[in-house]
N, C-alpha and C. Protein backbone atom coordinates (compact mmCIF):
# COMPACT_ATOMS: atom_id res chain seq x y z
N UNK A 1 21.62 25.17 -16.75
CA UNK A 1 22.19 24.06 -16.03
C UNK A 1 21.49 23.88 -14.68
N UNK A 2 21.21 25.00 -14.00
CA UNK A 2 20.54 24.92 -12.70
C UNK A 2 19.16 24.27 -12.85
N UNK A 3 18.47 24.59 -13.93
CA UNK A 3 17.15 24.02 -14.17
C UNK A 3 17.24 22.51 -14.32
N UNK A 4 18.25 22.05 -15.02
CA UNK A 4 18.43 20.61 -15.20
C UNK A 4 18.71 19.94 -13.87
N UNK A 5 19.55 20.54 -13.04
CA UNK A 5 19.85 19.98 -11.73
C UNK A 5 18.61 19.95 -10.83
N UNK A 6 17.86 21.03 -10.83
CA UNK A 6 16.63 21.08 -10.03
C UNK A 6 15.64 20.03 -10.51
N UNK A 7 15.46 19.94 -11.82
CA UNK A 7 14.55 18.94 -12.38
C UNK A 7 15.00 17.53 -12.01
N UNK A 8 16.30 17.27 -12.09
CA UNK A 8 16.84 15.95 -11.76
C UNK A 8 16.59 15.62 -10.30
N UNK A 9 16.78 16.61 -9.43
CA UNK A 9 16.54 16.40 -8.01
C UNK A 9 15.07 16.09 -7.74
N UNK A 10 14.18 16.90 -8.30
CA UNK A 10 12.75 16.69 -8.09
C UNK A 10 12.27 15.38 -8.67
N UNK A 11 12.72 15.06 -9.87
CA UNK A 11 12.33 13.82 -10.52
C UNK A 11 12.82 12.62 -9.72
N UNK A 12 14.04 12.68 -9.22
CA UNK A 12 14.59 11.61 -8.39
C UNK A 12 13.84 11.47 -7.09
N UNK A 13 13.40 12.59 -6.51
CA UNK A 13 12.64 12.55 -5.27
C UNK A 13 11.33 11.82 -5.43
N UNK A 14 10.71 11.94 -6.58
CA UNK A 14 9.45 11.24 -6.84
C UNK A 14 9.65 9.75 -6.66
N UNK A 15 10.74 9.22 -7.19
CA UNK A 15 10.98 7.79 -7.10
C UNK A 15 11.34 7.36 -5.69
N UNK A 16 12.03 8.20 -4.94
CA UNK A 16 12.36 7.87 -3.56
C UNK A 16 11.09 7.78 -2.73
N UNK A 17 10.22 8.77 -2.85
CA UNK A 17 8.96 8.76 -2.09
C UNK A 17 8.09 7.61 -2.54
N UNK A 18 7.99 7.37 -3.84
CA UNK A 18 7.16 6.29 -4.36
C UNK A 18 7.59 4.96 -3.77
N UNK A 19 8.88 4.74 -3.64
CA UNK A 19 9.38 3.47 -3.17
C UNK A 19 9.12 3.25 -1.68
N UNK A 20 8.90 4.30 -0.92
CA UNK A 20 8.79 4.14 0.52
C UNK A 20 7.59 3.33 0.96
N UNK A 21 6.44 3.52 0.40
CA UNK A 21 5.25 2.85 0.92
C UNK A 21 5.20 1.37 0.58
N UNK A 22 5.30 1.00 -0.69
CA UNK A 22 5.13 -0.40 -1.01
C UNK A 22 6.41 -1.14 -1.32
N UNK A 23 7.45 -0.45 -1.70
CA UNK A 23 8.71 -1.14 -2.00
C UNK A 23 9.24 -1.83 -0.75
N UNK A 24 9.30 -1.10 0.34
CA UNK A 24 9.78 -1.70 1.58
C UNK A 24 8.83 -2.79 2.04
N UNK A 25 7.54 -2.59 1.81
CA UNK A 25 6.57 -3.58 2.26
C UNK A 25 6.58 -4.84 1.41
N UNK A 26 7.15 -4.75 0.19
CA UNK A 26 7.24 -5.94 -0.64
C UNK A 26 8.03 -7.03 0.06
N UNK A 27 8.98 -6.65 0.89
CA UNK A 27 9.83 -7.60 1.59
C UNK A 27 9.38 -7.81 3.03
N UNK A 28 8.39 -7.07 3.45
CA UNK A 28 7.93 -7.15 4.83
C UNK A 28 7.01 -8.37 5.01
N UNK A 29 7.15 -9.02 6.13
CA UNK A 29 6.26 -10.14 6.45
C UNK A 29 5.06 -9.61 7.23
N UNK A 30 4.03 -10.41 7.28
CA UNK A 30 2.85 -10.03 8.05
C UNK A 30 3.22 -9.87 9.53
N UNK A 31 4.03 -10.79 10.04
CA UNK A 31 4.43 -10.75 11.45
C UNK A 31 5.18 -9.45 11.76
N UNK A 32 6.06 -9.03 10.86
CA UNK A 32 6.80 -7.79 11.06
C UNK A 32 5.86 -6.59 11.01
N UNK A 33 4.89 -6.63 10.11
CA UNK A 33 3.91 -5.55 10.01
C UNK A 33 3.11 -5.42 11.31
N UNK A 34 2.73 -6.55 11.90
CA UNK A 34 1.99 -6.53 13.18
C UNK A 34 2.87 -5.93 14.27
N UNK A 35 4.11 -6.33 14.31
CA UNK A 35 5.04 -5.80 15.31
C UNK A 35 5.18 -4.28 15.18
N UNK A 36 5.37 -3.80 13.98
CA UNK A 36 5.49 -2.35 13.76
C UNK A 36 4.18 -1.64 14.10
N UNK A 37 3.06 -2.27 13.76
CA UNK A 37 1.76 -1.69 14.05
C UNK A 37 1.56 -1.51 15.56
N UNK A 38 1.99 -2.49 16.33
CA UNK A 38 1.86 -2.41 17.79
C UNK A 38 2.73 -1.28 18.35
N UNK A 39 3.91 -1.10 17.77
CA UNK A 39 4.81 -0.04 18.24
C UNK A 39 4.34 1.34 17.82
N UNK A 40 3.81 1.45 16.61
CA UNK A 40 3.47 2.76 16.05
C UNK A 40 2.00 3.12 16.19
N UNK A 41 1.18 2.14 16.54
CA UNK A 41 -0.27 2.32 16.64
C UNK A 41 -0.89 2.72 15.30
N UNK A 42 -0.28 2.26 14.20
CA UNK A 42 -0.82 2.48 12.85
C UNK A 42 -1.55 1.23 12.40
N UNK A 43 -2.55 1.42 11.55
CA UNK A 43 -3.22 0.29 10.94
C UNK A 43 -2.33 -0.34 9.88
N UNK A 44 -2.52 -1.63 9.67
CA UNK A 44 -1.86 -2.33 8.58
C UNK A 44 -2.80 -2.27 7.38
N UNK A 45 -2.26 -1.91 6.23
CA UNK A 45 -3.04 -1.98 5.00
C UNK A 45 -2.38 -3.02 4.11
N UNK A 46 -3.06 -4.16 3.97
CA UNK A 46 -2.56 -5.20 3.08
C UNK A 46 -3.15 -4.99 1.70
N UNK A 47 -2.28 -5.04 0.71
CA UNK A 47 -2.74 -4.97 -0.67
C UNK A 47 -2.58 -6.37 -1.25
N UNK A 48 -3.70 -7.01 -1.57
CA UNK A 48 -3.66 -8.33 -2.18
C UNK A 48 -3.60 -8.14 -3.69
N UNK A 49 -2.59 -8.77 -4.28
CA UNK A 49 -2.35 -8.64 -5.70
C UNK A 49 -2.13 -10.02 -6.30
N UNK A 50 -2.06 -10.10 -7.62
CA UNK A 50 -1.81 -11.37 -8.31
C UNK A 50 -0.88 -11.12 -9.49
N UNK A 51 -0.26 -12.18 -9.95
CA UNK A 51 0.74 -12.06 -11.02
C UNK A 51 0.23 -11.35 -12.27
N UNK A 52 -0.91 -11.73 -12.78
CA UNK A 52 -1.40 -11.17 -14.04
C UNK A 52 -2.61 -10.26 -13.86
N UNK A 53 -2.64 -9.55 -12.77
CA UNK A 53 -3.77 -8.68 -12.46
C UNK A 53 -3.59 -7.32 -13.13
N UNK A 54 -4.34 -7.08 -14.19
CA UNK A 54 -4.20 -5.80 -14.89
C UNK A 54 -4.73 -4.64 -14.06
N UNK A 55 -5.70 -4.90 -13.20
CA UNK A 55 -6.23 -3.83 -12.36
C UNK A 55 -5.25 -3.48 -11.24
N UNK A 56 -4.45 -4.46 -10.79
CA UNK A 56 -3.39 -4.18 -9.81
C UNK A 56 -2.34 -3.27 -10.43
N UNK A 57 -1.96 -3.59 -11.65
CA UNK A 57 -0.98 -2.78 -12.38
C UNK A 57 -1.51 -1.37 -12.59
N UNK A 58 -2.77 -1.27 -12.98
CA UNK A 58 -3.40 0.05 -13.19
C UNK A 58 -3.39 0.85 -11.88
N UNK A 59 -3.74 0.21 -10.80
CA UNK A 59 -3.77 0.86 -9.49
C UNK A 59 -2.37 1.32 -9.09
N UNK A 60 -1.38 0.47 -9.32
CA UNK A 60 0.01 0.84 -9.00
C UNK A 60 0.45 2.06 -9.79
N UNK A 61 0.19 2.06 -11.07
CA UNK A 61 0.65 3.14 -11.96
C UNK A 61 -0.11 4.44 -11.76
N UNK A 62 -1.43 4.35 -11.60
CA UNK A 62 -2.25 5.55 -11.60
C UNK A 62 -2.55 6.12 -10.22
N UNK A 63 -2.48 5.28 -9.19
CA UNK A 63 -2.89 5.75 -7.86
C UNK A 63 -1.76 5.60 -6.83
N UNK A 64 -1.28 4.40 -6.67
CA UNK A 64 -0.30 4.14 -5.61
C UNK A 64 1.05 4.81 -5.86
N UNK A 65 1.32 5.19 -7.08
CA UNK A 65 2.57 5.90 -7.38
C UNK A 65 2.44 7.41 -7.19
N UNK A 66 1.24 7.90 -6.94
CA UNK A 66 1.00 9.32 -6.75
C UNK A 66 1.62 9.80 -5.43
N UNK A 67 2.28 10.94 -5.47
CA UNK A 67 2.97 11.46 -4.28
C UNK A 67 2.03 11.70 -3.09
N UNK A 68 0.87 12.24 -3.35
CA UNK A 68 -0.07 12.51 -2.26
C UNK A 68 -0.53 11.20 -1.61
N UNK A 69 -0.83 10.21 -2.43
CA UNK A 69 -1.24 8.89 -1.91
C UNK A 69 -0.09 8.28 -1.12
N UNK A 70 1.13 8.35 -1.66
CA UNK A 70 2.30 7.81 -0.99
C UNK A 70 2.50 8.46 0.38
N UNK A 71 2.29 9.76 0.45
CA UNK A 71 2.46 10.48 1.71
C UNK A 71 1.44 10.01 2.76
N UNK A 72 0.19 9.89 2.35
CA UNK A 72 -0.85 9.43 3.27
C UNK A 72 -0.55 8.01 3.74
N UNK A 73 -0.15 7.14 2.82
CA UNK A 73 0.17 5.76 3.18
C UNK A 73 1.33 5.69 4.16
N UNK A 74 2.46 6.36 3.83
CA UNK A 74 3.62 6.24 4.70
C UNK A 74 3.41 6.88 6.06
N UNK A 75 2.62 7.92 6.11
CA UNK A 75 2.40 8.62 7.38
C UNK A 75 1.43 7.87 8.30
N UNK A 76 0.46 7.17 7.72
CA UNK A 76 -0.64 6.64 8.53
C UNK A 76 -0.80 5.12 8.56
N UNK A 77 -0.10 4.40 7.70
CA UNK A 77 -0.32 2.96 7.61
C UNK A 77 0.99 2.19 7.52
N UNK A 78 0.93 0.94 7.93
CA UNK A 78 1.98 -0.02 7.65
C UNK A 78 1.48 -0.77 6.42
N UNK A 79 2.18 -0.65 5.32
CA UNK A 79 1.71 -1.26 4.08
C UNK A 79 2.39 -2.60 3.86
N UNK A 80 1.59 -3.54 3.39
CA UNK A 80 2.06 -4.89 3.16
C UNK A 80 1.48 -5.38 1.85
N UNK A 81 2.34 -5.77 0.95
CA UNK A 81 1.92 -6.28 -0.36
C UNK A 81 1.95 -7.80 -0.31
N UNK A 82 0.83 -8.45 -0.63
CA UNK A 82 0.78 -9.91 -0.63
C UNK A 82 0.31 -10.39 -1.99
N UNK A 83 1.14 -11.19 -2.64
CA UNK A 83 0.79 -11.78 -3.93
C UNK A 83 0.06 -13.08 -3.65
N UNK A 84 -1.24 -13.13 -3.96
CA UNK A 84 -2.05 -14.30 -3.65
C UNK A 84 -1.68 -15.53 -4.48
N UNK A 85 -0.93 -15.33 -5.56
CA UNK A 85 -0.46 -16.45 -6.38
C UNK A 85 0.77 -17.13 -5.77
N UNK A 86 1.45 -16.42 -4.89
CA UNK A 86 2.73 -16.92 -4.40
C UNK A 86 2.82 -17.04 -2.88
N UNK A 87 1.90 -16.43 -2.14
CA UNK A 87 2.01 -16.39 -0.68
C UNK A 87 0.72 -16.86 -0.02
N UNK A 88 0.87 -17.40 1.18
CA UNK A 88 -0.29 -17.75 1.99
C UNK A 88 -0.85 -16.47 2.61
N UNK A 89 -2.15 -16.43 2.73
CA UNK A 89 -2.79 -15.26 3.32
C UNK A 89 -2.89 -15.43 4.84
N UNK A 90 -2.61 -14.39 5.59
CA UNK A 90 -2.73 -14.46 7.05
C UNK A 90 -4.19 -14.37 7.50
N UNK A 91 -4.40 -14.57 8.78
CA UNK A 91 -5.70 -14.37 9.44
C UNK A 91 -6.81 -15.26 8.88
N UNK A 92 -6.46 -16.37 8.28
CA UNK A 92 -7.47 -17.27 7.73
C UNK A 92 -8.19 -16.70 6.52
N UNK A 93 -7.62 -15.68 5.91
CA UNK A 93 -8.23 -15.07 4.74
C UNK A 93 -8.18 -16.03 3.56
N UNK A 94 -9.19 -15.97 2.72
CA UNK A 94 -9.22 -16.75 1.50
C UNK A 94 -8.88 -15.87 0.32
N UNK A 95 -8.41 -16.50 -0.73
CA UNK A 95 -8.11 -15.77 -1.96
C UNK A 95 -9.38 -15.05 -2.43
N UNK A 96 -9.20 -13.85 -2.92
CA UNK A 96 -10.31 -13.02 -3.35
C UNK A 96 -9.91 -12.29 -4.63
N UNK A 97 -10.78 -11.45 -5.12
CA UNK A 97 -10.42 -10.69 -6.32
C UNK A 97 -9.26 -9.76 -5.99
N UNK A 98 -8.53 -9.41 -7.03
CA UNK A 98 -7.40 -8.50 -6.83
C UNK A 98 -7.56 -7.30 -7.74
N UNK A 99 -7.14 -6.15 -7.27
CA UNK A 99 -6.61 -5.92 -5.94
C UNK A 99 -7.72 -5.85 -4.89
N UNK A 100 -7.35 -6.21 -3.69
CA UNK A 100 -8.20 -6.01 -2.53
C UNK A 100 -7.32 -5.40 -1.45
N UNK A 101 -7.85 -4.42 -0.76
CA UNK A 101 -7.14 -3.74 0.32
C UNK A 101 -7.81 -4.13 1.63
N UNK A 102 -7.02 -4.68 2.54
CA UNK A 102 -7.55 -5.15 3.82
C UNK A 102 -6.88 -4.35 4.93
N UNK A 103 -7.69 -3.76 5.78
CA UNK A 103 -7.19 -2.95 6.89
C UNK A 103 -7.31 -3.75 8.18
N UNK A 104 -6.19 -3.83 8.91
CA UNK A 104 -6.08 -4.65 10.11
C UNK A 104 -5.51 -3.79 11.22
N UNK A 105 -6.06 -3.93 12.42
CA UNK A 105 -5.52 -3.15 13.54
C UNK A 105 -4.37 -3.89 14.21
N UNK A 106 -3.77 -3.26 15.21
CA UNK A 106 -2.60 -3.83 15.89
C UNK A 106 -2.92 -5.12 16.64
N UNK A 107 -4.20 -5.38 16.91
CA UNK A 107 -4.61 -6.61 17.58
C UNK A 107 -5.01 -7.69 16.57
N UNK A 108 -4.71 -7.45 15.30
CA UNK A 108 -4.96 -8.38 14.20
C UNK A 108 -6.45 -8.59 13.91
N UNK A 109 -7.22 -7.57 14.21
CA UNK A 109 -8.65 -7.59 13.89
C UNK A 109 -8.83 -6.96 12.51
N UNK A 110 -9.53 -7.67 11.63
CA UNK A 110 -9.82 -7.13 10.30
C UNK A 110 -10.90 -6.07 10.44
N UNK A 111 -10.58 -4.85 10.03
CA UNK A 111 -11.52 -3.74 10.15
C UNK A 111 -12.35 -3.56 8.88
N UNK A 112 -11.72 -3.77 7.73
CA UNK A 112 -12.47 -3.66 6.48
C UNK A 112 -11.71 -4.31 5.33
N UNK A 113 -12.48 -4.73 4.34
CA UNK A 113 -11.94 -5.30 3.10
C UNK A 113 -12.52 -4.49 1.95
N UNK A 114 -11.65 -3.94 1.14
CA UNK A 114 -12.11 -3.09 0.05
C UNK A 114 -11.56 -3.64 -1.27
N UNK A 115 -12.40 -4.31 -2.03
CA UNK A 115 -11.93 -4.86 -3.30
C UNK A 115 -11.98 -3.82 -4.41
N UNK A 116 -11.14 -4.03 -5.42
CA UNK A 116 -11.24 -3.25 -6.64
C UNK A 116 -10.15 -2.23 -6.83
N UNK A 117 -10.14 -1.70 -8.02
CA UNK A 117 -9.22 -0.65 -8.44
C UNK A 117 -9.95 0.68 -8.32
N UNK A 118 -9.28 1.68 -7.77
CA UNK A 118 -9.91 2.96 -7.47
C UNK A 118 -9.15 4.08 -8.16
N UNK A 119 -9.84 5.20 -8.37
CA UNK A 119 -9.12 6.39 -8.82
C UNK A 119 -8.51 7.07 -7.60
N UNK A 120 -7.64 8.02 -7.82
CA UNK A 120 -6.92 8.68 -6.73
C UNK A 120 -7.86 9.33 -5.72
N UNK A 121 -8.81 10.10 -6.20
CA UNK A 121 -9.72 10.82 -5.31
C UNK A 121 -10.48 9.86 -4.40
N UNK A 122 -11.06 8.82 -4.97
CA UNK A 122 -11.83 7.86 -4.18
C UNK A 122 -10.94 7.07 -3.22
N UNK A 123 -9.74 6.71 -3.69
CA UNK A 123 -8.84 5.95 -2.82
C UNK A 123 -8.38 6.79 -1.64
N UNK A 124 -8.08 8.06 -1.87
CA UNK A 124 -7.71 8.94 -0.76
C UNK A 124 -8.86 9.08 0.24
N UNK A 125 -10.07 9.15 -0.25
CA UNK A 125 -11.24 9.21 0.65
C UNK A 125 -11.33 7.94 1.50
N UNK A 126 -11.08 6.79 0.86
CA UNK A 126 -11.09 5.52 1.58
C UNK A 126 -10.01 5.50 2.66
N UNK A 127 -8.83 5.97 2.32
CA UNK A 127 -7.73 6.01 3.29
C UNK A 127 -8.04 6.98 4.42
N UNK A 128 -8.49 8.17 4.08
CA UNK A 128 -8.76 9.19 5.10
C UNK A 128 -9.88 8.78 6.04
N UNK A 129 -10.80 7.96 5.59
CA UNK A 129 -11.88 7.47 6.45
C UNK A 129 -11.37 6.49 7.49
N UNK A 130 -10.16 5.98 7.29
CA UNK A 130 -9.59 4.98 8.21
C UNK A 130 -8.48 5.54 9.10
N UNK A 131 -8.23 6.84 8.98
CA UNK A 131 -7.17 7.45 9.81
C UNK A 131 -7.75 7.85 11.15
């Protein structure tokens, strides 16, 4: 019975941590992300996605749901999910391939744009290079 309880706790924790980085950002506006960035001195990482983007789905399932990736994201970035099919892009950005990850500083300067779907190891390297 103890094993089942421990497993249930650990399994449930995975979903709580997973939800922290992008779930909250799904409802976050760009303006709110800038405000938080100014207060926390963290970079904003915008994830541009689209309704039928199979590579976005792959990235979500295989990389962004990983606990280690979630920890790096929540600790070091303000994450913002923008669906290019449904939302206007900030900063005069144009629609691009999805997924694309755009890193913006607290002064709203675009630091880098990284298109494509990545594996965990490469994505963590990309994130760590921006910390």
